[in-house]
Amino acid sequence: MEGNARIWFTPKQKAELWERWKNGQCVADIARALERRNKSGVYRVLALNGGIAPAKSSGDQSPCSRQKMRDRSARPARANS
């Protein structure tokens, strides 16, 4: 009996997976491109996120863009009249 150890996707592979999914490739084609034996691992990653690529974390942003986001959130909301 073969071992059933799960092989995880690297961050680079996940990025490629989401890019291919966004471009309309099917799960089987993505699995082949990532050299996976079957498509269940690809399907699992997609299903965990509802088929929507997760937002990049604030750690992926530059310090300048994080500061802009903080500045925007610190502004008081305008009252609608």
C-alpha atoms as a PDB file:
ATOM      1  CA  MET A   1       0.000   0.000   0.000  1.00  0.00           C
ATOM      2  CA  GLU A   2       1.301   3.428  -0.947  1.00  0.00           C
ATOM      3  CA  GLY A   3       1.855   5.998   1.727  1.00  0.00           C
ATOM      4  CA  ASN A   4      -0.753   8.702   1.731  1.00  0.00           C
ATOM      5  CA  ALA A   5       1.361  11.558   3.010  1.00  0.00           C
ATOM      6  CA  ARG A   6      -0.042  14.863   1.875  1.00  0.00           C
ATOM      7  CA  ILE A   7       2.244  16.992  -0.270  1.00  0.00           C
ATOM      8  CA  TRP A   8       1.606  20.658   0.354  1.00  0.00           C
ATOM      9  CA  PHE A   9       1.759  23.440  -2.207  1.00  0.00           C
ATOM     10  CA  THR A  10       4.569  25.956  -1.979  1.00  0.00           C
ATOM     11  CA  PRO A  11       3.611  29.660  -1.997  1.00  0.00           C
ATOM     12  CA  LYS A  12       4.895  29.874  -5.581  1.00  0.00           C
ATOM     13  CA  GLN A  13       2.715  26.924  -6.620  1.00  0.00           C
ATOM     14  CA  LYS A  14      -0.317  28.456  -4.917  1.00  0.00           C
ATOM     15  CA  ALA A  15       0.271  31.717  -6.763  1.00  0.00           C
ATOM     16  CA  GLU A  16       0.454  29.819 -10.057  1.00  0.00           C
ATOM     17  CA  LEU A  17      -2.665  27.822  -9.132  1.00  0.00           C
ATOM     18  CA  TRP A  18      -4.696  30.980  -8.471  1.00  0.00           C
ATOM     19  CA  GLU A  19      -3.373  32.689 -11.606  1.00  0.00           C
ATOM     20  CA  ARG A  20      -4.343  29.714 -13.772  1.00  0.00           C
ATOM     21  CA  TRP A  21      -7.769  29.483 -12.058  1.00  0.00           C
ATOM     22  CA  LYS A  22      -8.323  33.204 -12.664  1.00  0.00           C
ATOM     23  CA  ASN A  23      -7.456  32.680 -16.344  1.00  0.00           C
ATOM     24  CA  GLY A  24     -10.166  30.033 -16.646  1.00  0.00           C
ATOM     25  CA  GLN A  25      -8.201  26.780 -16.639  1.00  0.00           C
ATOM     26  CA  CYS A  26      -9.964  23.706 -15.307  1.00  0.00           C
ATOM     27  CA  VAL A  27      -8.819  21.888 -12.168  1.00  0.00           C
ATOM     28  CA  ALA A  28      -7.406  18.941 -14.145  1.00  0.00           C
ATOM     29  CA  ASP A  29      -5.254  21.218 -16.343  1.00  0.00           C
ATOM     30  CA  ILE A  30      -3.953  23.095 -13.300  1.00  0.00           C
ATOM     31  CA  ALA A  31      -3.059  19.813 -11.569  1.00  0.00           C
ATOM     32  CA  ARG A  32      -1.171  18.662 -14.682  1.00  0.00           C
ATOM     33  CA  ALA A  33       0.714  21.972 -14.932  1.00  0.00           C
ATOM     34  CA  LEU A  34       1.728  21.684 -11.267  1.00  0.00           C
ATOM     35  CA  GLU A  35       2.809  18.057 -11.875  1.00  0.00           C
ATOM     36  CA  ARG A  36       0.272  16.563  -9.462  1.00  0.00           C
ATOM     37  CA  ARG A  37      -0.864  12.950  -9.781  1.00  0.00           C
ATOM     38  CA  ASN A  38      -4.489  13.862  -9.266  1.00  0.00           C
ATOM     39  CA  LYS A  39      -6.617  16.958  -9.037  1.00  0.00           C
ATOM     40  CA  SER A  40      -7.902  16.522  -5.479  1.00  0.00           C
ATOM     41  CA  GLY A  41      -5.170  18.703  -3.936  1.00  0.00           C
ATOM     42  CA  VAL A  42      -5.907  21.540  -6.358  1.00  0.00           C
ATOM     43  CA  TYR A  43      -9.624  21.154  -5.742  1.00  0.00           C
ATOM     44  CA  ARG A  44      -9.022  21.245  -1.968  1.00  0.00           C
ATOM     45  CA  VAL A  45      -7.161  24.567  -2.155  1.00  0.00           C
ATOM     46  CA  LEU A  46      -9.878  26.076  -4.341  1.00  0.00           C
ATOM     47  CA  ALA A  47     -12.725  24.723  -2.196  1.00  0.00           C
ATOM     48  CA  LEU A  48     -11.238  26.016   1.063  1.00  0.00           C
ATOM     49  CA  ASN A  49     -11.449  29.537  -0.333  1.00  0.00           C
ATOM     50  CA  GLY A  50     -14.719  29.176  -2.213  1.00  0.00           C
ATOM     51  CA  GLY A  51     -12.940  29.543  -5.548  1.00  0.00           C
ATOM     52  CA  ILE A  52     -11.878  33.085  -4.679  1.00  0.00           C
ATOM     53  CA  ALA A  53      -8.194  33.849  -4.276  1.00  0.00           C
ATOM     54  CA  PRO A  54      -7.412  34.965  -0.723  1.00  0.00           C
ATOM     55  CA  ALA A  55      -6.520  38.612  -0.268  1.00  0.00           C
ATOM     56  CA  LYS A  56      -2.869  39.347   0.157  1.00  0.00           C
ATOM     57  CA  SER A  57      -1.889  39.902   3.746  1.00  0.00           C
ATOM     58  CA  SER A  58      -0.639  43.283   4.883  1.00  0.00           C
ATOM     59  CA  GLY A  59       2.812  41.710   5.161  1.00  0.00           C
ATOM     60  CA  ASP A  60       2.885  41.499   1.347  1.00  0.00           C
ATOM     61  CA  GLN A  61       2.392  45.243   0.959  1.00  0.00           C
ATOM     62  CA  SER A  62       5.030  47.902   0.937  1.00  0.00           C
ATOM     63  CA  PRO A  63       5.388  50.100   4.035  1.00  0.00           C
ATOM     64  CA  CYS A  64       4.170  53.075   1.996  1.00  0.00           C
ATOM     65  CA  SER A  65       0.901  51.387   0.977  1.00  0.00           C
ATOM     66  CA  ARG A  66       0.280  50.223   4.571  1.00  0.00           C
ATOM     67  CA  GLN A  67       0.688  53.820   5.752  1.00  0.00           C
ATOM     68  CA  LYS A  68      -1.816  55.036   3.145  1.00  0.00           C
ATOM     69  CA  MET A  69      -4.331  52.441   4.344  1.00  0.00           C
ATOM     70  CA  ARG A  70      -3.852  53.546   7.958  1.00  0.00           C
ATOM     71  CA  ASP A  71      -4.294  57.197   6.957  1.00  0.00           C
ATOM     72  CA  ARG A  72      -7.539  56.395   5.148  1.00  0.00           C
ATOM     73  CA  SER A  73      -8.952  54.446   8.072  1.00  0.00           C
ATOM     74  CA  ALA A  74      -8.004  57.182  10.542  1.00  0.00           C
ATOM     75  CA  ARG A  75     -10.001  59.856   8.701  1.00  0.00           C
ATOM     76  CA  PRO A  76     -13.375  60.643  10.197  1.00  0.00           C
ATOM     77  CA  ALA A  77     -16.331  59.642   8.059  1.00  0.00           C
ATOM     78  CA  ARG A  78     -18.200  62.466   6.346  1.00  0.00           C
ATOM     79  CA  ALA A  79     -21.750  63.013   7.439  1.00  0.00           C
ATOM     80  CA  ASN A  80     -24.346  62.659   4.701  1.00  0.00           C
ATOM     81  CA  SER A  81     -26.709  65.586   4.565  1.00  0.00           C
END
